Amino acid sequence: MKNSYILVVDDEHNLCRAIEISLMGEGYEIKALHTCEDALQAISEREPDLLLTDLRLPDGDGMQILQTLKETWPNSQAIVMTAYATVDTALGAMRQGAFDYVLKPFNPIELKNLIANALEIRWLRNENDRLRQAVDSAADFSDLIGRSEAMNRVFDMVKRVAMVDTTALITGESGTGKEMIARAIHSQSGRRKGPFIAINCGALPETLLESELFGHARGSFTGADRARDGIFASASGGTVFLDEIGEASSSVQVNLLRVLQESEIRRVGDSSSTKVDVRIIAATNRNLEEMVKSGGFREDLFYRLDVVRLHLPPLRERQEDIIALGEHFLGKYIATTGLESKPFTDEARRALMAYQWPGNIRELENVVKKAIIFSTGSAIDLAALPQNVSNAIRSGASQTTLSGGGGSGFFLDSSVADPNGMSDRDLPDELAELSFKDAKSRVISAFERSYISTILRFCDGVVTSAAAMAGMDRGNFQKLMRKNGIKSTLFREM
């Protein structure tokens, strides 16, 4: 291959010159060196397409150079030269990754052909890697759907951030696709061959989260009968995604700061530290700047995380993406379920566009999944959509019905904000018999019960999904469930 860079290493200056002359006219860039030390230095500075080296040198041997080449540049090819060759020597060189070997003195034409063959293999391997990366790149972005200007900016940022091995902070409401963006960054980065491990900092109690992240020593707590590596150790060479970083306790924040500052971790219950090589991408739906001001989040940790920030806009602010996403999910679930392919009706499209999507992409995906199942015709119409979505084009204002303790209903709508617009059905009469404090408490309790039940019903009783849709951590959502006597099992087959 023309313009290939060939490194020739031999202590015989005349031989090096003879090789240069024999290859003249092939278009190669040839660099001749005469010591092991110079060869190792050259390999560290630039990737050669081909190494042509003697096995015996004044200050070392060619096997050492060959080993370093393969460790540093795996696709580089090598041919070894020797006047002392035996079968063992040749096999040893090829076991180390040499393409072939040649005996001194050699035929210049045979050497030229051997070099051409080695460079052909080199080109094929590089081309294979390039095509694989192109396929990986296409696959990595296949689920990143968006036609809006805002999302095009996000996709451009993903490519840029992937090129720089630094921490990143992804912000946005629950359900906007923060983990998907983190995965895309990882898969486009130099760490793509390493693991990607995600953990939700709000889903686990503090002690369990520390053990999951940093590992624990044997006997560090009850039940720790053996030492265990944490996520940071397991993700060596890859990426750790810390979702809902704003929910991390102060103790976890201190330990995360050590990882970012010193690239080391300390297992729970251990006195020694261990070096780790990971990239950290964090995400939150909270305002970390405000948390820093109020003392809820460490300022030094915030600045360590906020080196590069990507903000994901909510779905309601990029309406041009709603139908594209809906059709993507439609095709995805029709393919996995084997059901008949069917489009959205125009009326269903208008409803999807009119709805505000408080749960963002996650809610849209859930709606499409259910619509496929409940659709009875040749297309997905309004009847197949949840009532709250279909109502978006039937009514300009949403109205929430809350159920009081005695079963009577009352409504909270836009007229409540205007005393002149109040009607006799806005609140049940029995509330007038209570103090303001007690009436307010009953209204709030009724709202909590209705809201939690609605979200659990929508998420089929999956508490983690319901909490995410509510923009709450799982623990606080479960507290509300217990407070209102609501069990998730009641919603799992509704």
Protein backbone atom coordinates (compact mmCIF):
# COMPACT_ATOMS: atom_id res chain seq x y z
CA MET A 1 0.00 0.00 0.00
CA LYS A 2 1.44 3.37 -1.01
CA ASN A 3 2.31 5.87 1.74
CA SER A 4 2.68 3.05 4.27
CA TYR A 5 5.08 3.81 7.11
CA ILE A 6 7.70 1.06 7.50
CA LEU A 7 10.10 0.86 10.43
CA VAL A 8 13.34 -1.03 9.62
CA VAL A 9 15.49 -2.04 12.61
CA ASP A 10 18.93 -3.63 12.12
CA ASP A 11 22.40 -2.84 13.46
CA GLU A 12 23.89 -3.37 9.99
CA HIS A 13 23.72 0.06 8.35
CA ASN A 14 24.49 -1.32 4.88
CA LEU A 15 21.61 -3.80 5.11
CA CYS A 16 19.19 -1.04 6.06
CA ARG A 17 20.35 0.98 3.08
CA ALA A 18 19.97 -2.03 0.77
CA ILE A 19 16.37 -2.52 1.96
CA GLU A 20 15.60 1.15 1.33
CA ILE A 21 16.99 0.88 -2.21
CA SER A 22 15.06 -2.32 -2.97
CA LEU A 23 11.79 -0.69 -1.89
CA MET A 24 12.46 2.54 -3.74
CA GLY A 25 9.61 3.40 -6.08
CA GLU A 26 6.94 1.61 -4.00
CA GLY A 27 5.82 4.87 -2.37
CA TYR A 28 6.65 3.74 1.17
CA GLU A 29 7.88 6.02 3.94
CA ILE A 30 10.85 4.16 5.45
CA LYS A 31 12.62 4.92 8.72
CA ALA A 32 15.81 2.96 9.48
CA LEU A 33 17.01 2.53 13.09
CA HIS A 34 19.87 0.51 14.55
CA THR A 35 19.15 -0.09 18.25
CA CYS A 36 16.38 -1.59 20.34
CA GLU A 37 16.09 1.61 22.37
CA ASP A 38 15.56 3.79 19.29
CA ALA A 39 12.99 1.34 17.91
CA LEU A 40 10.95 1.31 21.12
CA GLN A 41 11.01 5.11 21.19
CA ALA A 42 9.81 5.31 17.58
CA ILE A 43 6.96 2.87 18.28
CA SER A 44 5.82 4.95 21.25
CA GLU A 45 5.67 8.08 19.09
CA ARG A 46 3.92 6.81 15.97
CA GLU A 47 2.09 3.74 14.70
CA PRO A 48 4.04 1.94 11.96
CA ASP A 49 2.15 0.04 9.30
CA LEU A 50 4.96 -2.52 9.22
CA LEU A 51 7.95 -3.37 11.41
CA LEU A 52 10.89 -5.12 9.75
CA THR A 53 13.33 -6.02 12.52
CA ASP A 54 16.39 -8.15 13.17
CA LEU A 55 16.09 -10.60 16.05
CA ARG A 56 19.55 -9.76 17.45
CA LEU A 57 20.52 -6.19 18.29
CA PRO A 58 23.39 -4.71 20.34
CA ASP A 59 21.16 -3.56 23.24
CA GLY A 60 18.30 -6.07 23.09
CA ASP A 61 16.41 -8.36 20.76
CA GLY A 62 13.72 -8.10 18.14
CA MET A 63 11.27 -10.16 20.20
CA GLN A 64 11.11 -7.34 22.75
CA ILE A 65 10.39 -4.83 19.98
CA LEU A 66 7.76 -7.14 18.48
CA GLN A 67 6.00 -7.59 21.82
CA THR A 68 5.90 -3.82 22.43
CA LEU A 69 4.58 -3.22 18.91
CA LYS A 70 1.70 -5.66 19.37
CA GLU A 71 0.81 -4.29 22.79
CA THR A 72 0.82 -0.70 21.50
CA TRP A 73 -0.47 -1.10 17.93
CA PRO A 74 -2.29 -4.46 17.56
CA ASN A 75 -3.04 -4.00 13.85
CA SER A 76 0.57 -3.21 12.89
CA GLN A 77 2.29 -6.00 10.97
CA ALA A 78 5.80 -7.34 11.59
CA ILE A 79 8.40 -9.38 9.72
CA VAL A 80 11.49 -10.59 11.57
CA MET A 81 14.92 -11.02 9.99
CA THR A 82 17.66 -13.31 11.29
CA ALA A 83 20.77 -15.13 10.22
CA TYR A 84 20.38 -17.54 13.13
CA ALA A 85 16.92 -18.79 12.47
CA THR A 86 15.69 -22.12 13.67
CA VAL A 87 12.17 -23.49 13.56
CA ASP A 88 11.75 -22.55 17.22
CA THR A 89 12.87 -18.98 16.58
CA ALA A 90 10.45 -18.58 13.69
CA LEU A 91 7.53 -20.10 15.57
CA GLY A 92 8.33 -17.99 18.63
CA ALA A 93 8.22 -14.80 16.57
CA MET A 94 4.94 -15.78 14.94
CA ARG A 95 3.43 -16.67 18.32
CA GLN A 96 4.25 -13.11 19.36
CA GLY A 97 2.25 -11.88 16.37
CA ALA A 98 4.78 -11.62 13.53
CA PHE A 99 3.30 -11.93 10.06
CA ASP A 100 6.30 -13.96 8.84
CA TYR A 101 10.09 -14.23 9.05
CA VAL A 102 12.90 -14.00 6.53
CA LEU A 103 16.40 -15.50 6.57
CA LYS A 104 19.51 -13.46 5.85
CA PRO A 105 20.67 -13.12 3.17
CA PHE A 106 17.29 -12.70 1.48
CA ASN A 107 16.07 -12.19 -2.05
CA PRO A 108 14.97 -8.53 -2.50
CA ILE A 109 12.01 -9.52 -4.70
CA GLU A 110 10.80 -12.09 -2.17
CA LEU A 111 11.11 -9.50 0.60
CA LYS A 112 9.20 -6.96 -1.49
CA ASN A 113 6.36 -9.46 -2.06
CA LEU A 114 6.30 -10.43 1.61
CA ILE A 115 6.04 -6.78 2.64
CA ALA A 116 3.21 -6.18 0.15
CA ASN A 117 1.27 -9.16 1.55
CA ALA A 118 1.76 -8.00 5.14
CA LEU A 119 0.55 -4.49 4.29
CA GLU A 120 -2.49 -5.96 2.54
CA ILE A 121 -3.42 -7.79 5.75
CA ARG A 122 -2.88 -4.57 7.69
CA TRP A 123 -5.24 -2.68 5.35
CA LEU A 124 -7.90 -5.40 5.59
CA ARG A 125 -7.82 -5.34 9.41
CA ASN A 126 -8.09 -1.56 9.50
CA GLU A 127 -10.97 -1.63 7.03
CA ASN A 128 -12.71 -4.31 9.09
CA ASP A 129 -12.37 -2.17 12.22
CA ARG A 130 -13.66 0.88 10.34
CA LEU A 131 -16.72 -0.97 9.07
CA ARG A 132 -17.40 -2.47 12.50
CA GLN A 133 -17.25 0.99 14.08
CA ALA A 134 -19.58 2.34 11.39
CA VAL A 135 -22.09 -0.43 12.11
CA ASP A 136 -21.73 0.13 15.87
CA SER A 137 -22.22 3.85 15.37
CA ALA A 138 -25.41 3.33 13.38
CA ALA A 139 -26.71 0.89 16.00
CA ASP A 140 -25.78 3.20 18.86
CA PHE A 141 -27.86 6.04 17.41
CA SER A 142 -30.74 3.90 16.15
CA ASP A 143 -32.85 4.62 19.24
CA LEU A 144 -31.98 8.33 19.33
CA ILE A 145 -34.97 9.71 17.47
CA GLY A 146 -35.40 13.41 16.90
CA ARG A 147 -35.97 15.88 14.10
CA SER A 148 -36.15 19.01 16.21
CA GLU A 149 -33.38 21.57 16.29
CA ALA A 150 -32.99 21.01 20.04
CA MET A 151 -32.33 17.28 19.63
CA ASN A 152 -30.01 17.80 16.68
CA ARG A 153 -27.92 19.95 19.01
CA VAL A 154 -27.97 17.16 21.59
CA PHE A 155 -26.86 14.56 19.03
CA ASP A 156 -24.02 16.83 17.95
CA MET A 157 -22.98 17.24 21.58
CA VAL A 158 -23.02 13.46 22.08
CA LYS A 159 -20.47 13.03 19.30
CA ARG A 160 -18.27 15.79 20.69
CA VAL A 161 -18.43 14.63 24.30
CA ALA A 162 -17.65 11.06 23.26
CA MET A 163 -14.32 12.21 21.85
CA VAL A 164 -13.17 13.66 25.18
CA ASP A 165 -12.57 11.32 28.12
CA THR A 166 -14.04 13.55 30.81
CA THR A 167 -16.98 13.53 33.20
CA ALA A 168 -20.34 14.68 31.88
CA LEU A 169 -23.62 15.76 33.47
CA ILE A 170 -26.93 15.09 31.73
CA THR A 171 -29.93 17.09 32.96
CA GLY A 172 -33.60 16.89 32.12
CA GLU A 173 -36.98 15.78 33.41
CA SER A 174 -37.72 12.14 34.18
CA GLY A 175 -38.33 10.08 31.07
CA THR A 176 -36.41 12.30 28.63
CA GLY A 177 -33.88 9.57 27.78
CA LYS A 178 -30.86 10.47 29.91
CA GLU A 179 -29.56 6.89 30.19
CA MET A 180 -29.94 6.37 26.44
CA ILE A 181 -27.82 9.47 25.81
CA ALA A 182 -25.21 8.22 28.30
CA ARG A 183 -25.04 4.87 26.49
CA ALA A 184 -24.60 6.65 23.16
CA ILE A 185 -21.69 8.68 24.57
CA HIS A 186 -20.05 5.52 25.89
CA SER A 187 -20.49 3.57 22.68
CA GLN A 188 -18.98 6.38 20.60
CA SER A 189 -16.01 6.84 22.95
CA GLY A 190 -12.64 5.20 23.25
CA ARG A 191 -14.09 3.17 26.14
CA ARG A 192 -16.75 1.46 24.00
CA LYS A 193 -15.06 -1.94 24.33
CA GLY A 194 -15.26 -1.64 28.12
CA PRO A 195 -18.39 -2.17 30.23
CA PHE A 196 -21.21 0.34 30.67
CA ILE A 197 -22.79 0.00 34.11
CA ALA A 198 -25.76 2.12 35.22
CA ILE A 199 -27.06 2.58 38.75
CA ASN A 200 -29.89 4.71 40.14
CA CYS A 201 -28.61 6.57 43.19
CA GLY A 202 -32.15 7.10 44.48
CA ALA A 203 -33.25 3.48 44.25
CA LEU A 204 -31.09 2.05 47.06
CA PRO A 205 -30.58 2.87 50.74
CA GLU A 206 -27.31 4.68 51.54
CA THR A 207 -25.39 1.70 52.95
CA LEU A 208 -26.43 -0.60 50.11
CA LEU A 209 -25.60 2.06 47.50
CA GLU A 210 -22.08 2.49 48.93
CA SER A 211 -21.54 -1.27 48.81
CA GLU A 212 -22.83 -1.46 45.23
CA LEU A 213 -20.62 1.41 44.08
CA PHE A 214 -17.39 0.78 45.97
CA GLY A 215 -17.61 -2.86 47.07
CA HIS A 216 -17.09 -4.11 50.61
CA ALA A 217 -14.53 -5.99 52.64
CA ARG A 218 -15.28 -9.28 54.32
CA GLY A 219 -16.98 -8.76 57.68
CA SER A 220 -17.67 -5.08 57.02
CA PHE A 221 -21.33 -5.58 57.96
CA THR A 222 -23.71 -8.36 58.93
CA GLY A 223 -23.93 -10.87 56.11
CA ALA A 224 -20.70 -9.76 54.40
CA ASP A 225 -19.13 -13.22 54.57
CA ARG A 226 -16.78 -12.47 51.67
CA ALA A 227 -15.19 -9.48 49.97
CA ARG A 228 -16.98 -8.11 46.93
CA ASP A 229 -16.02 -5.73 44.13
CA GLY A 230 -18.28 -2.78 43.49
CA ILE A 231 -19.43 -1.20 40.25
CA PHE A 232 -16.38 1.04 39.89
CA ALA A 233 -14.02 -1.94 40.01
CA SER A 234 -16.22 -3.99 37.67
CA ALA A 235 -16.43 -1.12 35.15
CA SER A 236 -12.65 -0.75 34.80
CA GLY A 237 -11.85 0.57 31.34
CA GLY A 238 -15.48 1.53 30.76
CA THR A 239 -18.17 3.95 31.93
CA VAL A 240 -20.25 4.26 35.11
CA PHE A 241 -23.60 6.03 34.72
CA LEU A 242 -24.89 7.54 37.97
CA ASP A 243 -28.58 8.24 37.45
CA GLU A 244 -30.39 10.61 39.84
CA ILE A 245 -27.09 11.80 41.32
CA GLY A 246 -29.00 14.44 43.28
CA GLU A 247 -30.38 11.67 45.53
CA ALA A 248 -26.90 10.55 46.69
CA SER A 249 -26.24 10.98 50.42
CA SER A 250 -23.45 13.20 51.75
CA SER A 251 -21.36 10.11 52.55
CA VAL A 252 -21.70 8.76 49.01
CA GLN A 253 -20.89 12.22 47.64
CA VAL A 254 -17.60 12.30 49.59
CA ASN A 255 -16.57 8.91 48.20
CA LEU A 256 -17.53 9.92 44.67
CA LEU A 257 -15.35 12.99 45.02
CA ARG A 258 -12.39 10.74 45.85
CA VAL A 259 -13.01 8.74 42.67
CA LEU A 260 -13.05 11.90 40.57
CA GLN A 261 -10.04 13.53 42.24
CA GLU A 262 -7.76 10.56 42.86
CA SER A 263 -9.15 7.87 40.52
CA GLU A 264 -9.32 5.51 43.48
CA ILE A 265 -11.93 3.79 45.62
CA ARG A 266 -12.04 2.36 49.11
CA ARG A 267 -14.26 -0.62 49.82
CA VAL A 268 -16.72 -0.33 52.68
CA GLY A 269 -14.89 -1.58 55.77
CA ASP A 270 -11.46 -1.50 54.09
CA SER A 271 -8.54 0.73 55.07
CA SER A 272 -6.66 0.58 51.77
CA SER A 273 -7.51 2.25 48.45
CA THR A 274 -7.54 0.80 44.95
CA LYS A 275 -6.93 2.65 41.69
CA VAL A 276 -9.75 2.55 39.12
CA ASP A 277 -9.98 3.58 35.47
CA VAL A 278 -13.54 4.63 34.68
CA ARG A 279 -15.41 7.47 33.09
CA ILE A 280 -18.31 8.90 35.10
CA ILE A 281 -21.46 10.22 33.47
CA ALA A 282 -24.06 11.53 35.92
CA ALA A 283 -27.69 12.51 35.38
CA THR A 284 -30.34 14.33 37.37
CA ASN A 285 -33.82 15.78 37.06
CA ARG A 286 -33.12 18.16 39.95
CA ASN A 287 -31.55 21.62 40.05
CA LEU A 288 -28.10 20.85 41.45
CA GLU A 289 -27.13 24.54 41.58
CA GLU A 290 -30.02 25.19 43.97
CA MET A 291 -29.10 22.10 45.97
CA VAL A 292 -25.53 23.42 46.29
CA LYS A 293 -26.87 26.75 47.59
CA SER A 294 -29.09 25.01 50.13
CA GLY A 295 -26.32 22.65 51.26
CA GLY A 296 -27.94 19.52 49.83
CA PHE A 297 -25.15 18.83 47.35
CA ARG A 298 -21.39 19.30 47.61
CA GLU A 299 -20.14 22.25 45.59
CA ASP A 300 -16.76 20.61 44.85
CA LEU A 301 -18.47 17.45 43.59
CA PHE A 302 -20.85 19.49 41.44
CA TYR A 303 -18.01 21.24 39.64
CA ARG A 304 -16.18 17.93 39.15
CA LEU A 305 -19.27 16.47 37.49
CA ASP A 306 -20.32 19.57 35.55
CA VAL A 307 -17.32 19.61 33.19
CA VAL A 308 -19.58 19.06 30.18
CA ARG A 309 -23.35 19.38 30.43
CA LEU A 310 -26.05 18.10 28.10
CA HIS A 311 -29.62 19.23 28.73
CA LEU A 312 -32.46 17.13 27.32
CA PRO A 313 -35.59 19.17 26.61
CA PRO A 314 -38.97 17.74 27.68
CA LEU A 315 -41.11 16.19 24.97
CA ARG A 316 -43.69 18.98 25.15
CA GLU A 317 -41.01 21.44 24.00
CA ARG A 318 -40.16 19.44 20.87
CA GLN A 319 -43.53 18.53 19.44
CA GLU A 320 -42.05 17.81 16.01
CA ASP A 321 -40.42 14.70 17.54
CA ILE A 322 -43.60 13.20 19.04
CA ILE A 323 -44.92 11.45 15.93
CA ALA A 324 -41.45 10.27 14.88
CA LEU A 325 -40.93 8.74 18.33
CA GLY A 326 -44.43 7.27 18.36
CA GLU A 327 -43.90 5.59 15.00
CA HIS A 328 -40.49 4.33 16.13
CA PHE A 329 -42.04 2.65 19.18
CA LEU A 330 -44.92 1.40 17.04
CA GLY A 331 -42.54 -0.37 14.66
CA LYS A 332 -40.42 -1.64 17.53
CA TYR A 333 -43.26 -3.33 19.42
CA ILE A 334 -45.06 -4.65 16.37
CA ALA A 335 -41.79 -6.36 15.44
CA THR A 336 -41.33 -7.88 18.91
CA THR A 337 -44.96 -8.97 19.41
CA GLY A 338 -45.60 -10.23 15.90
CA LEU A 339 -48.89 -8.32 15.77
CA GLU A 340 -50.28 -6.87 12.56
CA SER A 341 -48.67 -3.63 11.46
CA LYS A 342 -51.04 -0.68 11.70
CA PRO A 343 -50.65 3.11 11.50
CA PHE A 344 -51.98 5.91 13.70
CA THR A 345 -55.15 7.59 12.45
CA ASP A 346 -54.97 11.35 11.83
CA GLU A 347 -57.13 11.91 14.92
CA ALA A 348 -54.80 9.81 17.06
CA ARG A 349 -51.82 11.77 15.75
CA ARG A 350 -53.51 15.03 16.71
CA ALA A 351 -54.13 13.68 20.21
CA LEU A 352 -50.50 12.63 20.59
CA MET A 353 -49.42 16.09 19.48
CA ALA A 354 -51.88 17.89 21.78
CA TYR A 355 -51.03 15.95 24.93
CA GLN A 356 -48.44 17.50 27.27
CA TRP A 357 -46.51 14.26 28.10
CA PRO A 358 -45.55 14.87 31.74
CA GLY A 359 -43.77 11.48 31.68
CA ASN A 360 -41.94 12.42 28.47
CA ILE A 361 -40.54 9.69 26.19
CA ARG A 362 -41.06 6.95 28.77
CA GLU A 363 -44.77 7.79 28.97
CA LEU A 364 -45.09 7.95 25.17
CA GLU A 365 -43.49 4.52 24.81
CA ASN A 366 -45.88 3.10 27.40
CA VAL A 367 -48.89 4.64 25.65
CA VAL A 368 -47.88 3.22 22.26
CA LYS A 369 -47.27 -0.22 23.75
CA LYS A 370 -50.76 -0.30 25.26
CA ALA A 371 -52.35 1.17 22.12
CA ILE A 372 -50.98 -1.70 20.03
CA ILE A 373 -52.57 -4.21 22.40
CA PHE A 374 -55.96 -2.50 22.73
CA SER A 375 -56.39 -1.43 19.12
CA THR A 376 -59.11 -3.52 17.45
CA GLY A 377 -59.22 -2.01 13.97
CA SER A 378 -56.81 -1.72 11.08
CA ALA A 379 -55.35 1.48 12.56
CA ILE A 380 -54.65 2.90 16.01
CA ASP A 381 -57.43 5.39 16.70
CA LEU A 382 -58.51 7.53 19.66
CA ALA A 383 -60.28 4.59 21.28
CA ALA A 384 -56.99 2.72 21.60
CA LEU A 385 -55.31 5.60 23.44
CA PRO A 386 -55.61 6.21 27.20
CA GLN A 387 -58.41 8.60 28.06
CA ASN A 388 -56.07 11.31 29.34
CA VAL A 389 -54.32 11.35 25.95
CA SER A 390 -57.44 11.18 23.79
CA ASN A 391 -59.05 13.93 25.90
CA ALA A 392 -56.23 16.28 24.91
CA ILE A 393 -58.06 17.15 21.68
CA ARG A 394 -61.56 16.90 23.13
CA SER A 395 -61.03 19.53 25.79
CA GLY A 396 -58.86 22.58 25.95
CA ALA A 397 -58.45 22.28 29.70
CA SER A 398 -57.77 19.15 31.70
CA GLN A 399 -59.89 18.44 34.72
CA THR A 400 -58.91 16.19 37.59
CA THR A 401 -61.55 14.44 39.66
CA LEU A 402 -60.55 13.65 43.21
CA SER A 403 -62.36 11.32 45.51
CA GLY A 404 -62.95 12.41 49.09
CA GLY A 405 -62.87 10.13 52.09
CA GLY A 406 -66.63 9.56 52.00
CA GLY A 407 -66.69 8.75 48.32
CA SER A 408 -68.08 12.11 47.18
CA GLY A 409 -66.35 13.78 44.28
CA PHE A 410 -65.03 17.28 43.84
CA PHE A 411 -63.17 18.97 41.03
CA LEU A 412 -60.09 21.12 40.73
CA ASP A 413 -60.06 22.99 37.44
CA SER A 414 -58.96 26.33 36.02
CA SER A 415 -62.00 28.10 37.48
CA VAL A 416 -60.72 27.54 41.01
CA ALA A 417 -58.05 30.16 40.39
CA ASP A 418 -60.77 32.76 39.79
CA PRO A 419 -63.25 33.32 42.67
CA ASN A 420 -65.81 34.67 40.19
CA GLY A 421 -65.68 31.41 38.29
CA MET A 422 -66.38 29.13 41.24
CA SER A 423 -69.29 26.74 40.88
CA ASP A 424 -71.15 24.81 43.53
CA ARG A 425 -69.46 21.59 42.46
CA ASP A 426 -65.87 22.74 42.97
CA LEU A 427 -65.74 21.38 46.53
CA PRO A 428 -68.10 19.06 48.44
CA ASP A 429 -70.36 20.74 50.99
CA GLU A 430 -68.95 18.75 53.91
CA LEU A 431 -65.61 20.55 53.59
CA ALA A 432 -67.32 23.77 54.68
CA GLU A 433 -67.94 22.17 58.08
CA LEU A 434 -64.17 21.69 58.61
CA SER A 435 -61.46 24.13 59.55
CA PHE A 436 -59.28 25.40 56.71
CA LYS A 437 -56.38 23.24 57.93
CA ASP A 438 -58.48 20.05 58.07
CA ALA A 439 -60.17 20.76 54.74
CA LYS A 440 -56.81 21.39 53.11
CA SER A 441 -55.45 18.15 54.58
CA ARG A 442 -58.40 16.18 53.19
CA VAL A 443 -58.00 17.72 49.71
CA ILE A 444 -54.27 16.95 49.68
CA SER A 445 -54.87 13.37 50.85
CA ALA A 446 -57.49 12.86 48.16
CA PHE A 447 -55.14 14.26 45.53
CA GLU A 448 -52.28 12.01 46.68
CA ARG A 449 -54.47 8.90 46.55
CA SER A 450 -55.83 9.74 43.11
CA TYR A 451 -52.45 10.75 41.70
CA ILE A 452 -50.57 7.71 43.01
CA SER A 453 -53.32 5.31 41.91
CA THR A 454 -53.44 6.83 38.42
CA ILE A 455 -49.68 6.56 37.93
CA LEU A 456 -49.50 3.02 39.32
CA ARG A 457 -52.36 1.98 37.05
CA PHE A 458 -50.56 3.52 34.08
CA CYS A 459 -47.30 1.73 34.98
CA ASP A 460 -48.99 -1.62 35.68
CA GLY A 461 -48.01 -1.49 39.35
CA VAL A 462 -44.26 -1.17 38.70
CA VAL A 463 -43.18 1.14 41.54
CA THR A 464 -39.81 2.09 40.03
CA SER A 465 -41.46 3.25 36.78
CA ALA A 466 -44.22 5.07 38.65
CA ALA A 467 -41.72 6.89 40.86
CA ALA A 468 -39.70 7.94 37.83
CA MET A 469 -42.82 9.25 36.09
CA ALA A 470 -43.68 11.22 39.22
CA GLY A 471 -40.18 12.69 39.33
CA MET A 472 -39.57 11.15 42.77
CA ASP A 473 -37.08 8.66 44.11
CA ARG A 474 -38.49 5.21 44.81
CA GLY A 475 -38.16 5.53 48.60
CA ASN A 476 -40.25 8.71 48.89
CA PHE A 477 -42.84 7.35 46.47
CA GLN A 478 -43.21 4.22 48.60
CA LYS A 479 -43.65 6.40 51.70
CA LEU A 480 -46.58 8.13 50.01
CA MET A 481 -48.04 4.74 49.07
CA ARG A 482 -47.82 3.51 52.68
CA LYS A 483 -49.23 6.79 54.01
CA ASN A 484 -52.29 6.42 51.78
CA GLY A 485 -52.64 2.65 52.20
CA ILE A 486 -52.02 1.90 48.52
CA LYS A 487 -50.53 -1.43 47.42
CA SER A 488 -48.88 -1.80 44.01
CA THR A 489 -50.15 -5.38 43.64
CA LEU A 490 -53.67 -4.05 43.07
CA PHE A 491 -52.58 -2.50 39.77
CA ARG A 492 -50.52 -5.27 38.21
CA GLU A 493 -53.26 -6.88 36.17
CA MET A 494 -55.58 -3.96 35.61
